[in-house]
């Protein structure tokens, strides 16, 4: 099997597992046994291991020494703490962005919001999740504050799995709309409105997470069907 074929096969496994996790067909904490996955996809355990490594990098699964791979298990307490920290940081960032807004920064953020809308409309779950999170990091980058950008990136990466797994399509669409509303307020240089909309947006995202959703099966073969 060629390297190109190997990469293509690995991508198929990554995409299938990602879809099963996003659609709540694989429960958090489910063990992803390499041999079962290899049998299901008809590939070697080496290719399965490569796919699991990629998923671990995306924080969709966790790898435990001597135990194997498991679907990551975000806690509701962690989610609440992350969003509380984000509100503390991002409300002040929004104030600063309005005060220091420039045509170039506004144009860049408008283009990003347009990409969000396109991802939502085409049903690109992974793409929309990444873009919706990046909106917040991008604001820090446009301000030229690398420390803030890195801090936000860490916070958002911690809740990325939570959002990816538990945000509905409708909630994602609302997030894109709310980003557009925040952008309009910033373009109008309405600092108070922009800050209020950002606060409401973060609270809406948190409240729309279905963290107690039940999943019908932990069986890998059934979940991937």
N, C-alpha and C. Protein backbone atom coordinates (compact mmCIF):
# COMPACT_ATOMS: atom_id res chain seq x y z
N UNK A 1 0.85 -1.20 0.00
CA UNK A 1 0.00 0.00 0.00
C UNK A 1 0.88 1.24 0.00
N UNK A 2 0.58 2.20 -0.87
CA UNK A 2 1.41 3.39 -0.99
C UNK A 2 1.15 4.35 0.15
N UNK A 3 2.08 5.33 0.30
CA UNK A 3 1.94 6.33 1.34
C UNK A 3 0.66 7.15 1.14
N UNK A 4 0.36 7.47 -0.13
CA UNK A 4 -0.85 8.24 -0.42
C UNK A 4 -2.10 7.48 -0.03
N UNK A 5 -2.10 6.18 -0.34
CA UNK A 5 -3.25 5.34 0.03
C UNK A 5 -3.38 5.24 1.54
N UNK A 6 -2.24 5.09 2.22
CA UNK A 6 -2.24 5.02 3.69
C UNK A 6 -2.86 6.29 4.28
N UNK A 7 -2.43 7.45 3.76
CA UNK A 7 -2.95 8.72 4.26
C UNK A 7 -4.44 8.85 4.01
N UNK A 8 -4.88 8.37 2.84
CA UNK A 8 -6.30 8.43 2.49
C UNK A 8 -7.13 7.54 3.42
N UNK A 9 -6.61 6.35 3.69
CA UNK A 9 -7.31 5.42 4.57
C UNK A 9 -7.38 5.97 5.99
N UNK A 10 -6.28 6.54 6.45
CA UNK A 10 -6.26 7.14 7.78
C UNK A 10 -7.29 8.25 7.89
N UNK A 11 -7.40 9.04 6.82
CA UNK A 11 -8.38 10.14 6.80
C UNK A 11 -9.81 9.60 6.90
N UNK A 12 -10.07 8.48 6.24
CA UNK A 12 -11.41 7.86 6.30
C UNK A 12 -11.74 7.48 7.75
N UNK A 13 -10.77 6.89 8.43
CA UNK A 13 -10.98 6.48 9.82
C UNK A 13 -11.19 7.70 10.71
N UNK A 14 -10.35 8.71 10.53
CA UNK A 14 -10.47 9.95 11.33
C UNK A 14 -11.84 10.59 11.11
N UNK A 15 -12.26 10.68 9.86
CA UNK A 15 -13.54 11.32 9.54
C UNK A 15 -14.72 10.52 10.12
N UNK A 16 -14.65 9.19 10.02
CA UNK A 16 -15.74 8.35 10.52
C UNK A 16 -15.86 8.46 12.04
N UNK A 17 -14.75 8.42 12.74
CA UNK A 17 -14.79 8.52 14.20
C UNK A 17 -15.22 9.91 14.64
N UNK A 18 -14.72 10.93 13.94
CA UNK A 18 -15.12 12.31 14.26
C UNK A 18 -16.63 12.46 14.12
N UNK A 19 -17.17 11.95 13.02
CA UNK A 19 -18.61 12.05 12.76
C UNK A 19 -19.41 11.32 13.84
N UNK A 20 -18.93 10.15 14.24
CA UNK A 20 -19.63 9.37 15.27
C UNK A 20 -19.62 10.10 16.61
N UNK A 21 -18.52 10.77 16.92
CA UNK A 21 -18.42 11.52 18.18
C UNK A 21 -19.32 12.76 18.13
N UNK A 22 -19.23 13.50 17.03
CA UNK A 22 -20.02 14.73 16.89
C UNK A 22 -21.51 14.44 16.93
N UNK A 23 -21.92 13.32 16.33
CA UNK A 23 -23.34 12.98 16.28
C UNK A 23 -23.80 12.18 17.50
N UNK A 24 -22.94 12.14 18.53
CA UNK A 24 -23.29 11.53 19.81
C UNK A 24 -23.54 10.03 19.71
N UNK A 25 -22.92 9.38 18.73
CA UNK A 25 -23.06 7.93 18.59
C UNK A 25 -21.93 7.19 19.29
N UNK A 26 -20.91 7.90 19.72
CA UNK A 26 -19.85 7.34 20.56
C UNK A 26 -19.83 8.17 21.84
N UNK A 27 -20.06 7.51 22.93
CA UNK A 27 -20.19 8.18 24.22
C UNK A 27 -18.82 8.57 24.77
N UNK A 28 -18.73 9.75 25.45
CA UNK A 28 -17.49 10.11 26.13
C UNK A 28 -17.05 8.98 27.06
N UNK A 29 -15.77 8.67 27.00
CA UNK A 29 -15.24 7.60 27.84
C UNK A 29 -15.21 6.24 27.16
N UNK A 30 -15.83 6.12 25.98
CA UNK A 30 -15.83 4.85 25.27
C UNK A 30 -14.41 4.46 24.86
N UNK A 31 -14.04 3.22 25.13
CA UNK A 31 -12.72 2.77 24.73
C UNK A 31 -12.71 2.46 23.24
N UNK A 32 -11.68 2.93 22.55
CA UNK A 32 -11.54 2.70 21.12
C UNK A 32 -10.47 1.64 20.91
N UNK A 33 -10.88 0.39 20.96
CA UNK A 33 -9.94 -0.73 20.84
C UNK A 33 -9.37 -0.79 19.43
N UNK A 34 -8.07 -0.81 19.33
CA UNK A 34 -7.40 -0.80 18.03
C UNK A 34 -7.82 -1.98 17.16
N UNK A 35 -7.87 -3.17 17.73
CA UNK A 35 -8.18 -4.34 16.92
C UNK A 35 -9.61 -4.30 16.41
N UNK A 36 -10.54 -3.84 17.23
CA UNK A 36 -11.94 -3.73 16.80
C UNK A 36 -12.07 -2.74 15.65
N UNK A 37 -11.35 -1.63 15.77
CA UNK A 37 -11.39 -0.63 14.70
C UNK A 37 -10.74 -1.17 13.43
N UNK A 38 -9.63 -1.89 13.59
CA UNK A 38 -8.94 -2.47 12.44
C UNK A 38 -9.84 -3.46 11.72
N UNK A 39 -10.56 -4.27 12.48
CA UNK A 39 -11.49 -5.24 11.89
C UNK A 39 -12.65 -4.54 11.19
N UNK A 40 -13.16 -3.49 11.83
CA UNK A 40 -14.30 -2.78 11.26
C UNK A 40 -13.94 -2.13 9.92
N UNK A 41 -12.78 -1.51 9.86
CA UNK A 41 -12.37 -0.80 8.64
C UNK A 41 -11.59 -1.68 7.66
N UNK A 42 -11.21 -2.88 8.11
CA UNK A 42 -10.45 -3.78 7.25
C UNK A 42 -9.06 -3.28 6.96
N UNK A 43 -8.40 -2.72 7.98
CA UNK A 43 -7.05 -2.17 7.81
C UNK A 43 -6.15 -2.68 8.93
N UNK A 44 -4.89 -2.31 8.85
CA UNK A 44 -3.94 -2.73 9.88
C UNK A 44 -4.08 -1.86 11.13
N UNK A 45 -3.59 -2.38 12.23
CA UNK A 45 -3.63 -1.61 13.48
C UNK A 45 -2.72 -0.40 13.39
N UNK A 46 -1.72 -0.46 12.53
CA UNK A 46 -0.81 0.68 12.36
C UNK A 46 -1.57 1.89 11.84
N UNK A 47 -2.45 1.67 10.84
CA UNK A 47 -3.23 2.78 10.30
C UNK A 47 -4.24 3.29 11.32
N UNK A 48 -4.81 2.38 12.10
CA UNK A 48 -5.74 2.78 13.16
C UNK A 48 -5.00 3.64 14.18
N UNK A 49 -3.79 3.22 14.52
CA UNK A 49 -3.00 3.96 15.51
C UNK A 49 -2.69 5.37 15.00
N UNK A 50 -2.41 5.49 13.71
CA UNK A 50 -2.15 6.81 13.12
C UNK A 50 -3.38 7.70 13.23
N UNK A 51 -4.55 7.11 12.97
CA UNK A 51 -5.80 7.87 13.05
C UNK A 51 -6.07 8.32 14.49
N UNK A 52 -5.85 7.42 15.43
CA UNK A 52 -6.07 7.75 16.84
C UNK A 52 -5.13 8.85 17.30
N UNK A 53 -3.91 8.83 16.79
CA UNK A 53 -2.94 9.87 17.14
C UNK A 53 -3.43 11.23 16.65
N UNK A 54 -3.96 11.27 15.43
CA UNK A 54 -4.49 12.53 14.89
C UNK A 54 -5.67 13.03 15.71
N UNK A 55 -6.54 12.11 16.13
CA UNK A 55 -7.69 12.49 16.94
C UNK A 55 -7.27 12.98 18.32
N UNK A 56 -6.19 12.40 18.84
CA UNK A 56 -5.67 12.83 20.13
C UNK A 56 -5.12 14.25 20.03
N UNK A 57 -4.49 14.56 18.90
CA UNK A 57 -3.97 15.91 18.69
C UNK A 57 -5.11 16.93 18.64
N UNK A 58 -6.26 16.49 18.15
CA UNK A 58 -7.44 17.37 18.06
C UNK A 58 -8.21 17.41 19.38
N UNK A 59 -7.73 16.64 20.36
CA UNK A 59 -8.35 16.56 21.69
C UNK A 59 -9.74 15.90 21.66
N UNK A 60 -10.01 15.13 20.61
CA UNK A 60 -11.26 14.39 20.56
C UNK A 60 -11.17 13.09 21.34
N UNK A 61 -9.97 12.57 21.48
CA UNK A 61 -9.77 11.38 22.29
C UNK A 61 -8.58 11.60 23.22
N UNK A 62 -8.45 10.73 24.21
CA UNK A 62 -7.28 10.79 25.08
C UNK A 62 -6.59 9.44 25.02
N UNK A 63 -5.28 9.47 25.04
CA UNK A 63 -4.48 8.25 25.02
C UNK A 63 -3.93 8.02 26.42
N UNK A 64 -4.18 6.83 26.97
CA UNK A 64 -3.69 6.50 28.30
C UNK A 64 -2.66 5.37 28.21
N UNK A 65 -1.47 5.59 28.76
CA UNK A 65 -0.42 4.57 28.72
C UNK A 65 -0.91 3.24 29.28
N UNK A 66 -0.64 2.18 28.54
CA UNK A 66 -0.99 0.80 28.94
C UNK A 66 -2.50 0.54 28.97
N UNK A 67 -3.31 1.53 28.63
CA UNK A 67 -4.77 1.33 28.65
C UNK A 67 -5.40 1.53 27.27
N UNK A 68 -4.81 2.41 26.46
CA UNK A 68 -5.34 2.61 25.12
C UNK A 68 -5.99 3.96 24.91
N UNK A 69 -6.88 4.02 23.90
CA UNK A 69 -7.52 5.27 23.51
C UNK A 69 -8.97 5.30 23.97
N UNK A 70 -9.41 6.49 24.40
CA UNK A 70 -10.78 6.67 24.86
C UNK A 70 -11.33 7.99 24.30
N UNK A 71 -12.62 8.00 24.01
CA UNK A 71 -13.25 9.25 23.63
C UNK A 71 -13.11 10.20 24.82
N UNK A 72 -12.65 11.41 24.55
CA UNK A 72 -12.42 12.37 25.64
C UNK A 72 -13.71 12.67 26.39
N UNK A 73 -13.57 12.97 27.66
CA UNK A 73 -14.74 13.20 28.52
C UNK A 73 -14.69 14.59 29.13
N UNK A 74 -15.24 15.57 28.44
CA UNK A 74 -15.27 16.92 29.02
C UNK A 74 -16.29 16.98 30.15
N UNK A 75 -15.95 17.67 31.22
CA UNK A 75 -16.88 17.78 32.35
C UNK A 75 -17.65 19.09 32.29
N UNK A 76 -18.83 19.09 32.86
CA UNK A 76 -19.65 20.31 32.89
C UNK A 76 -18.98 21.37 33.76
N UNK A 77 -18.29 20.94 34.82
CA UNK A 77 -17.59 21.89 35.69
C UNK A 77 -16.49 22.60 34.91
N UNK A 78 -15.75 21.83 34.12
CA UNK A 78 -14.68 22.43 33.31
C UNK A 78 -15.27 23.44 32.33
N UNK A 79 -16.39 23.07 31.71
CA UNK A 79 -17.03 23.95 30.75
C UNK A 79 -17.43 25.27 31.40
N UNK A 80 -18.04 25.20 32.58
CA UNK A 80 -18.46 26.41 33.27
C UNK A 80 -17.26 27.29 33.64
N UNK A 81 -16.19 26.66 34.08
CA UNK A 81 -15.00 27.43 34.47
C UNK A 81 -14.34 28.08 33.25
N UNK A 82 -14.30 27.35 32.16
CA UNK A 82 -13.71 27.90 30.94
C UNK A 82 -14.50 29.10 30.45
N UNK A 83 -15.82 28.97 30.42
CA UNK A 83 -16.64 30.09 29.94
C UNK A 83 -16.59 31.28 30.88
N UNK A 84 -16.47 31.03 32.18
CA UNK A 84 -16.34 32.14 33.14
C UNK A 84 -15.04 32.90 32.88
N UNK A 85 -13.97 32.14 32.66
CA UNK A 85 -12.68 32.77 32.38
C UNK A 85 -12.72 33.54 31.05
N UNK A 86 -13.40 32.95 30.07
CA UNK A 86 -13.49 33.62 28.77
C UNK A 86 -14.26 34.93 28.87
N UNK A 87 -15.33 34.94 29.65
CA UNK A 87 -16.09 36.19 29.80
C UNK A 87 -15.23 37.28 30.44
N UNK A 88 -14.47 36.91 31.46
CA UNK A 88 -13.61 37.89 32.12
C UNK A 88 -12.63 38.52 31.14
N UNK A 89 -12.08 37.69 30.28
CA UNK A 89 -11.06 38.15 29.34
C UNK A 89 -11.66 38.82 28.11
N UNK A 90 -12.68 38.19 27.53
CA UNK A 90 -13.16 38.65 26.23
C UNK A 90 -14.01 39.91 26.28
N UNK A 91 -14.64 40.19 27.40
CA UNK A 91 -15.40 41.44 27.48
C UNK A 91 -14.45 42.64 27.44
N UNK A 92 -13.34 42.53 28.14
CA UNK A 92 -12.35 43.60 28.10
C UNK A 92 -11.69 43.68 26.72
N UNK A 93 -11.45 42.53 26.11
CA UNK A 93 -10.87 42.52 24.76
C UNK A 93 -11.80 43.22 23.77
N UNK A 94 -13.11 43.00 23.93
CA UNK A 94 -14.08 43.63 23.03
C UNK A 94 -14.04 45.15 23.20
N UNK A 95 -13.94 45.61 24.43
CA UNK A 95 -13.82 47.06 24.67
C UNK A 95 -12.60 47.62 23.95
N UNK A 96 -11.49 46.92 24.10
CA UNK A 96 -10.25 47.37 23.47
C UNK A 96 -10.35 47.36 21.96
N UNK A 97 -10.99 46.32 21.42
CA UNK A 97 -11.11 46.21 19.96
C UNK A 97 -11.91 47.38 19.40
N UNK A 98 -13.00 47.75 20.08
CA UNK A 98 -13.81 48.88 19.61
C UNK A 98 -13.01 50.18 19.66
N UNK A 99 -12.28 50.37 20.72
CA UNK A 99 -11.50 51.60 20.88
C UNK A 99 -10.36 51.70 19.87
N UNK A 100 -9.83 50.54 19.46
CA UNK A 100 -8.67 50.53 18.56
C UNK A 100 -9.01 50.00 17.17
N UNK A 101 -10.30 50.03 16.82
CA UNK A 101 -10.71 49.46 15.54
C UNK A 101 -10.15 50.28 14.37
N UNK A 102 -9.80 49.58 13.30
CA UNK A 102 -9.31 50.20 12.07
C UNK A 102 -10.05 49.56 10.90
N UNK A 103 -10.07 50.23 9.74
CA UNK A 103 -10.73 49.63 8.57
C UNK A 103 -10.17 48.26 8.22
N UNK A 104 -8.86 48.09 8.36
CA UNK A 104 -8.23 46.81 8.02
C UNK A 104 -8.68 45.71 8.98
N UNK A 105 -8.73 46.02 10.27
CA UNK A 105 -9.18 45.03 11.26
C UNK A 105 -10.64 44.67 11.04
N UNK A 106 -11.44 45.68 10.74
CA UNK A 106 -12.86 45.44 10.50
C UNK A 106 -13.07 44.57 9.27
N UNK A 107 -12.33 44.84 8.22
CA UNK A 107 -12.44 44.06 6.98
C UNK A 107 -12.04 42.61 7.21
N UNK A 108 -10.96 42.40 7.96
CA UNK A 108 -10.47 41.04 8.23
C UNK A 108 -11.51 40.25 9.03
N UNK A 109 -12.12 40.89 10.02
CA UNK A 109 -13.10 40.20 10.85
C UNK A 109 -14.39 39.92 10.06
N UNK A 110 -14.75 40.82 9.15
CA UNK A 110 -15.92 40.60 8.29
C UNK A 110 -15.71 39.38 7.40
N UNK A 111 -14.51 39.25 6.87
CA UNK A 111 -14.20 38.10 6.01
C UNK A 111 -14.28 36.80 6.81
N UNK A 112 -13.84 36.85 8.06
CA UNK A 112 -13.88 35.65 8.91
C UNK A 112 -15.33 35.25 9.19
N UNK A 113 -16.17 36.22 9.50
CA UNK A 113 -17.58 35.95 9.78
C UNK A 113 -18.26 35.36 8.53
N UNK A 114 -17.87 35.82 7.36
CA UNK A 114 -18.42 35.28 6.11
C UNK A 114 -18.04 33.81 5.95
N UNK A 115 -16.82 33.45 6.34
CA UNK A 115 -16.38 32.06 6.28
C UNK A 115 -17.17 31.20 7.26
N UNK A 116 -17.47 31.75 8.43
CA UNK A 116 -18.29 31.03 9.42
C UNK A 116 -19.66 30.69 8.82
N UNK A 117 -20.29 31.71 8.25
CA UNK A 117 -21.62 31.52 7.67
C UNK A 117 -21.60 30.45 6.59
N UNK A 118 -20.57 30.46 5.75
CA UNK A 118 -20.46 29.48 4.67
C UNK A 118 -20.33 28.06 5.23
N UNK A 119 -19.53 27.90 6.30
CA UNK A 119 -19.33 26.59 6.92
C UNK A 119 -20.63 26.08 7.54
N UNK A 120 -21.39 26.97 8.17
CA UNK A 120 -22.67 26.59 8.78
C UNK A 120 -23.65 26.16 7.69
N UNK A 121 -23.71 26.92 6.61
CA UNK A 121 -24.67 26.64 5.53
C UNK A 121 -24.39 25.33 4.81
N UNK A 122 -23.10 24.96 4.72
CA UNK A 122 -22.79 23.71 4.02
C UNK A 122 -22.73 22.52 4.98
N UNK A 123 -23.06 22.75 6.25
CA UNK A 123 -23.11 21.66 7.21
C UNK A 123 -21.75 21.11 7.59
N UNK A 124 -20.72 21.92 7.51
CA UNK A 124 -19.36 21.50 7.85
C UNK A 124 -19.17 21.64 9.36
N UNK A 125 -19.48 20.57 10.10
CA UNK A 125 -19.47 20.62 11.57
C UNK A 125 -18.08 20.96 12.13
N UNK A 126 -17.07 20.22 11.70
CA UNK A 126 -15.73 20.46 12.21
C UNK A 126 -15.24 21.85 11.80
N UNK A 127 -15.52 22.22 10.54
CA UNK A 127 -15.09 23.52 10.03
C UNK A 127 -15.74 24.67 10.76
N UNK A 128 -17.05 24.56 10.98
CA UNK A 128 -17.77 25.66 11.64
C UNK A 128 -17.30 25.79 13.09
N UNK A 129 -17.04 24.65 13.75
CA UNK A 129 -16.60 24.68 15.14
C UNK A 129 -15.26 25.40 15.26
N UNK A 130 -14.36 25.08 14.34
CA UNK A 130 -13.04 25.71 14.36
C UNK A 130 -13.15 27.20 14.08
N UNK A 131 -13.93 27.56 13.07
CA UNK A 131 -14.07 28.97 12.71
C UNK A 131 -14.76 29.78 13.81
N UNK A 132 -15.80 29.22 14.42
CA UNK A 132 -16.51 29.93 15.47
C UNK A 132 -15.60 30.20 16.67
N UNK A 133 -14.72 29.24 16.98
CA UNK A 133 -13.76 29.45 18.06
C UNK A 133 -12.68 30.43 17.66
N UNK A 134 -12.23 30.34 16.41
CA UNK A 134 -11.16 31.20 15.92
C UNK A 134 -11.55 32.67 15.88
N UNK A 135 -12.85 32.96 15.78
CA UNK A 135 -13.31 34.36 15.77
C UNK A 135 -12.75 35.11 16.97
N UNK A 136 -12.78 34.47 18.11
CA UNK A 136 -12.34 35.10 19.35
C UNK A 136 -10.82 35.25 19.40
N UNK A 137 -10.11 34.21 18.98
CA UNK A 137 -8.65 34.28 18.94
C UNK A 137 -8.19 35.31 17.90
N UNK A 138 -8.91 35.36 16.79
CA UNK A 138 -8.56 36.27 15.70
C UNK A 138 -8.64 37.73 16.15
N UNK A 139 -9.61 38.05 17.01
CA UNK A 139 -9.70 39.41 17.54
C UNK A 139 -8.42 39.79 18.27
N UNK A 140 -7.91 38.86 19.08
CA UNK A 140 -6.67 39.11 19.81
C UNK A 140 -5.50 39.26 18.86
N UNK A 141 -5.47 38.42 17.83
CA UNK A 141 -4.39 38.50 16.84
C UNK A 141 -4.42 39.83 16.10
N UNK A 142 -5.62 40.28 15.75
CA UNK A 142 -5.74 41.56 15.04
C UNK A 142 -5.32 42.73 15.91
N UNK A 143 -5.46 42.58 17.22
CA UNK A 143 -5.00 43.62 18.14
C UNK A 143 -3.48 43.59 18.30
N UNK A 144 -2.85 42.52 17.81
CA UNK A 144 -1.40 42.40 17.90
C UNK A 144 -0.91 41.97 19.26
N UNK A 145 -1.80 41.40 20.08
CA UNK A 145 -1.43 40.96 21.43
C UNK A 145 -1.24 39.45 21.41
N UNK A 146 0.00 39.01 21.26
CA UNK A 146 0.30 37.59 21.16
C UNK A 146 0.05 36.83 22.45
N UNK A 147 0.29 37.48 23.59
CA UNK A 147 0.06 36.83 24.88
C UNK A 147 -1.44 36.55 25.04
N UNK A 148 -2.26 37.53 24.72
CA UNK A 148 -3.70 37.36 24.80
C UNK A 148 -4.18 36.30 23.81
N UNK A 149 -3.61 36.32 22.63
CA UNK A 149 -3.97 35.33 21.60
C UNK A 149 -3.67 33.92 22.07
N UNK A 150 -2.48 33.72 22.66
CA UNK A 150 -2.09 32.40 23.13
C UNK A 150 -2.97 31.95 24.30
N UNK A 151 -3.30 32.86 25.19
CA UNK A 151 -4.14 32.55 26.34
C UNK A 151 -5.54 32.14 25.89
N UNK A 152 -6.10 32.91 24.96
CA UNK A 152 -7.43 32.59 24.45
C UNK A 152 -7.42 31.28 23.68
N UNK A 153 -6.37 31.06 22.92
CA UNK A 153 -6.28 29.82 22.15
C UNK A 153 -6.29 28.61 23.07
N UNK A 154 -5.60 28.72 24.21
CA UNK A 154 -5.57 27.62 25.18
C UNK A 154 -6.95 27.40 25.79
N UNK A 155 -7.62 28.50 26.15
CA UNK A 155 -8.95 28.38 26.74
C UNK A 155 -9.94 27.77 25.75
N UNK A 156 -9.89 28.25 24.52
CA UNK A 156 -10.84 27.77 23.52
C UNK A 156 -10.56 26.33 23.13
N UNK A 157 -9.29 25.95 23.11
CA UNK A 157 -8.97 24.55 22.79
C UNK A 157 -9.51 23.63 23.89
N UNK A 158 -9.58 24.11 25.11
CA UNK A 158 -10.10 23.29 26.21
C UNK A 158 -11.61 23.08 26.09
N UNK A 159 -12.30 24.04 25.48
CA UNK A 159 -13.75 23.86 25.33
C UNK A 159 -14.14 23.47 23.91
N UNK A 160 -13.15 23.31 23.02
CA UNK A 160 -13.45 22.95 21.63
C UNK A 160 -14.16 21.61 21.54
N UNK A 161 -13.69 20.63 22.29
CA UNK A 161 -14.33 19.32 22.27
C UNK A 161 -15.75 19.41 22.82
N UNK A 162 -15.92 20.19 23.87
CA UNK A 162 -17.25 20.36 24.47
C UNK A 162 -18.20 20.94 23.43
N UNK A 163 -17.74 21.97 22.73
CA UNK A 163 -18.58 22.61 21.72
C UNK A 163 -18.82 21.69 20.54
N UNK A 164 -17.77 21.03 20.09
CA UNK A 164 -17.88 20.14 18.94
C UNK A 164 -18.85 19.00 19.22
N UNK A 165 -18.79 18.46 20.44
CA UNK A 165 -19.62 17.31 20.77
C UNK A 165 -21.05 17.68 21.15
N UNK A 166 -21.22 18.83 21.77
CA UNK A 166 -22.52 19.11 22.38
C UNK A 166 -23.27 20.31 21.83
N UNK A 167 -22.72 21.00 20.83
CA UNK A 167 -23.45 22.13 20.26
C UNK A 167 -24.27 21.65 19.08
N UNK A 168 -25.54 22.01 19.05
CA UNK A 168 -26.42 21.61 17.97
C UNK A 168 -26.17 22.49 16.75
N UNK A 169 -26.64 22.04 15.58
CA UNK A 169 -26.50 22.83 14.36
C UNK A 169 -27.19 24.18 14.51
N UNK A 170 -28.36 24.17 15.17
CA UNK A 170 -29.10 25.41 15.36
C UNK A 170 -28.32 26.38 16.23
N UNK A 171 -27.70 25.85 17.30
CA UNK A 171 -26.92 26.70 18.19
C UNK A 171 -25.71 27.26 17.46
N UNK A 172 -25.11 26.47 16.58
CA UNK A 172 -23.96 26.94 15.81
C UNK A 172 -24.37 28.07 14.89
N UNK A 173 -25.55 27.94 14.29
CA UNK A 173 -26.05 28.99 13.41
C UNK A 173 -26.28 30.28 14.19
N UNK A 174 -26.81 30.14 15.42
CA UNK A 174 -27.03 31.30 16.26
C UNK A 174 -25.70 31.96 16.61
N UNK A 175 -24.66 31.16 16.85
CA UNK A 175 -23.35 31.71 17.17
C UNK A 175 -22.82 32.55 16.02
N UNK A 176 -22.98 32.08 14.80
CA UNK A 176 -22.52 32.82 13.63
C UNK A 176 -23.30 34.14 13.51
N UNK A 177 -24.61 34.08 13.77
CA UNK A 177 -25.43 35.30 13.71
C UNK A 177 -24.99 36.29 14.79
N UNK A 178 -24.69 35.78 15.97
CA UNK A 178 -24.28 36.65 17.07
C UNK A 178 -22.92 37.28 16.79
N UNK A 179 -22.03 36.55 16.16
CA UNK A 179 -20.75 37.13 15.76
C UNK A 179 -20.97 38.29 14.80
N UNK A 180 -21.91 38.10 13.88
CA UNK A 180 -22.22 39.16 12.91
C UNK A 180 -22.79 40.39 13.62
N UNK A 181 -23.63 40.18 14.62
CA UNK A 181 -24.21 41.30 15.39
C UNK A 181 -23.12 42.03 16.18
N UNK A 182 -22.22 41.28 16.78
CA UNK A 182 -21.10 41.89 17.52
C UNK A 182 -20.26 42.74 16.57
N UNK A 183 -20.03 42.21 15.39
CA UNK A 183 -19.23 42.92 14.40
C UNK A 183 -19.90 44.24 14.00
N UNK A 184 -21.22 44.21 13.82
CA UNK A 184 -21.95 45.43 13.46
C UNK A 184 -21.81 46.49 14.55
N UNK A 185 -21.92 46.06 15.79
CA UNK A 185 -21.80 47.00 16.92
C UNK A 185 -20.39 47.60 16.97
N UNK A 186 -19.38 46.77 16.71
CA UNK A 186 -18.01 47.26 16.71
C UNK A 186 -17.78 48.21 15.55
N UNK A 187 -18.37 47.89 14.39
CA UNK A 187 -18.22 48.77 13.22
C UNK A 187 -18.84 50.14 13.50
N UNK A 188 -19.92 50.15 14.29
CA UNK A 188 -20.58 51.40 14.66
C UNK A 188 -19.88 52.09 15.83
N UNK A 189 -18.83 51.44 16.34
CA UNK A 189 -18.06 51.95 17.48
C UNK A 189 -18.94 52.14 18.72
N UNK A 190 -19.92 51.23 18.85
CA UNK A 190 -20.81 51.23 20.02
C UNK A 190 -20.23 50.25 21.03
N UNK A 191 -19.36 50.76 21.86
CA UNK A 191 -18.62 49.92 22.81
C UNK A 191 -19.54 49.18 23.77
N UNK A 192 -20.49 49.89 24.36
CA UNK A 192 -21.39 49.28 25.34
C UNK A 192 -22.20 48.15 24.71
N UNK A 193 -22.72 48.36 23.51
CA UNK A 193 -23.51 47.34 22.84
C UNK A 193 -22.65 46.13 22.47
N UNK A 194 -21.45 46.39 21.96
CA UNK A 194 -20.56 45.30 21.56
C UNK A 194 -20.21 44.42 22.75
N UNK A 195 -19.93 45.04 23.90
CA UNK A 195 -19.58 44.29 25.11
C UNK A 195 -20.79 43.49 25.59
N UNK A 196 -21.97 44.11 25.57
CA UNK A 196 -23.18 43.39 26.01
C UNK A 196 -23.47 42.20 25.11
N UNK A 197 -23.32 42.39 23.80
CA UNK A 197 -23.57 41.30 22.86
C UNK A 197 -22.57 40.17 23.02
N UNK A 198 -21.31 40.51 23.30
CA UNK A 198 -20.30 39.47 23.52
C UNK A 198 -20.62 38.67 24.77
N UNK A 199 -21.03 39.37 25.84
CA UNK A 199 -21.40 38.69 27.08
C UNK A 199 -22.58 37.75 26.84
N UNK A 200 -23.61 38.25 26.16
CA UNK A 200 -24.78 37.43 25.87
C UNK A 200 -24.41 36.24 24.98
N UNK A 201 -23.53 36.48 24.02
CA UNK A 201 -23.11 35.42 23.10
C UNK A 201 -22.45 34.27 23.86
N UNK A 202 -21.49 34.58 24.72
CA UNK A 202 -20.79 33.54 25.47
C UNK A 202 -21.73 32.79 26.40
N UNK A 203 -22.67 33.50 26.99
CA UNK A 203 -23.64 32.85 27.87
C UNK A 203 -24.59 31.97 27.07
N UNK A 204 -24.96 32.41 25.86
CA UNK A 204 -25.82 31.60 25.01
C UNK A 204 -25.13 30.30 24.60
N UNK A 205 -23.86 30.41 24.20
CA UNK A 205 -23.11 29.22 23.79
C UNK A 205 -23.06 28.22 24.93
N UNK A 206 -22.75 28.71 26.13
CA UNK A 206 -22.67 27.81 27.29
C UNK A 206 -24.02 27.17 27.61
N UNK A 207 -25.09 27.97 27.58
CA UNK A 207 -26.41 27.45 27.94
C UNK A 207 -26.96 26.48 26.90
N UNK A 208 -26.46 26.57 25.66
CA UNK A 208 -26.95 25.69 24.59
C UNK A 208 -26.20 24.36 24.49
N UNK A 209 -25.23 24.15 25.36
CA UNK A 209 -24.49 22.89 25.35
C UNK A 209 -25.31 21.81 26.04
N UNK A 210 -25.56 20.71 25.34
CA UNK A 210 -26.35 19.62 25.91
C UNK A 210 -25.42 18.60 26.56
N UNK A 211 -24.86 18.99 27.69
CA UNK A 211 -23.85 18.17 28.34
C UNK A 211 -24.40 16.88 28.95
N UNK A 212 -25.71 16.81 29.15
CA UNK A 212 -26.29 15.60 29.76
C UNK A 212 -26.93 14.69 28.72
N UNK A 213 -26.62 14.93 27.44
CA UNK A 213 -27.21 14.11 26.38
C UNK A 213 -26.85 12.64 26.55
N UNK A 214 -27.84 11.77 26.41
CA UNK A 214 -27.62 10.34 26.50
C UNK A 214 -27.34 9.76 25.12
N UNK A 215 -26.43 8.82 25.07
CA UNK A 215 -26.08 8.17 23.81
C UNK A 215 -26.55 6.73 23.85
N UNK A 216 -27.20 6.24 22.79
CA UNK A 216 -27.83 4.92 22.83
C UNK A 216 -26.87 3.74 22.89
N UNK A 217 -25.66 3.88 22.38
CA UNK A 217 -24.78 2.71 22.33
C UNK A 217 -23.32 3.10 22.43
N UNK A 218 -22.54 2.25 23.14
CA UNK A 218 -21.11 2.43 23.19
C UNK A 218 -20.41 1.45 22.27
N UNK A 219 -21.19 0.66 21.54
CA UNK A 219 -20.60 -0.35 20.67
C UNK A 219 -20.05 0.32 19.41
N UNK A 220 -18.76 0.15 19.16
CA UNK A 220 -18.09 0.82 18.05
C UNK A 220 -18.70 0.44 16.71
N UNK A 221 -18.92 -0.84 16.47
CA UNK A 221 -19.45 -1.29 15.19
C UNK A 221 -20.82 -0.68 14.92
N UNK A 222 -21.68 -0.64 15.95
CA UNK A 222 -23.03 -0.07 15.80
C UNK A 222 -22.95 1.43 15.59
N UNK A 223 -22.05 2.10 16.31
CA UNK A 223 -21.96 3.54 16.22
C UNK A 223 -21.45 4.01 14.86
N UNK A 224 -20.60 3.19 14.25
CA UNK A 224 -20.01 3.58 12.97
C UNK A 224 -20.86 3.17 11.77
N UNK A 225 -21.92 2.44 12.02
CA UNK A 225 -22.78 1.97 10.92
C UNK A 225 -23.52 3.13 10.29
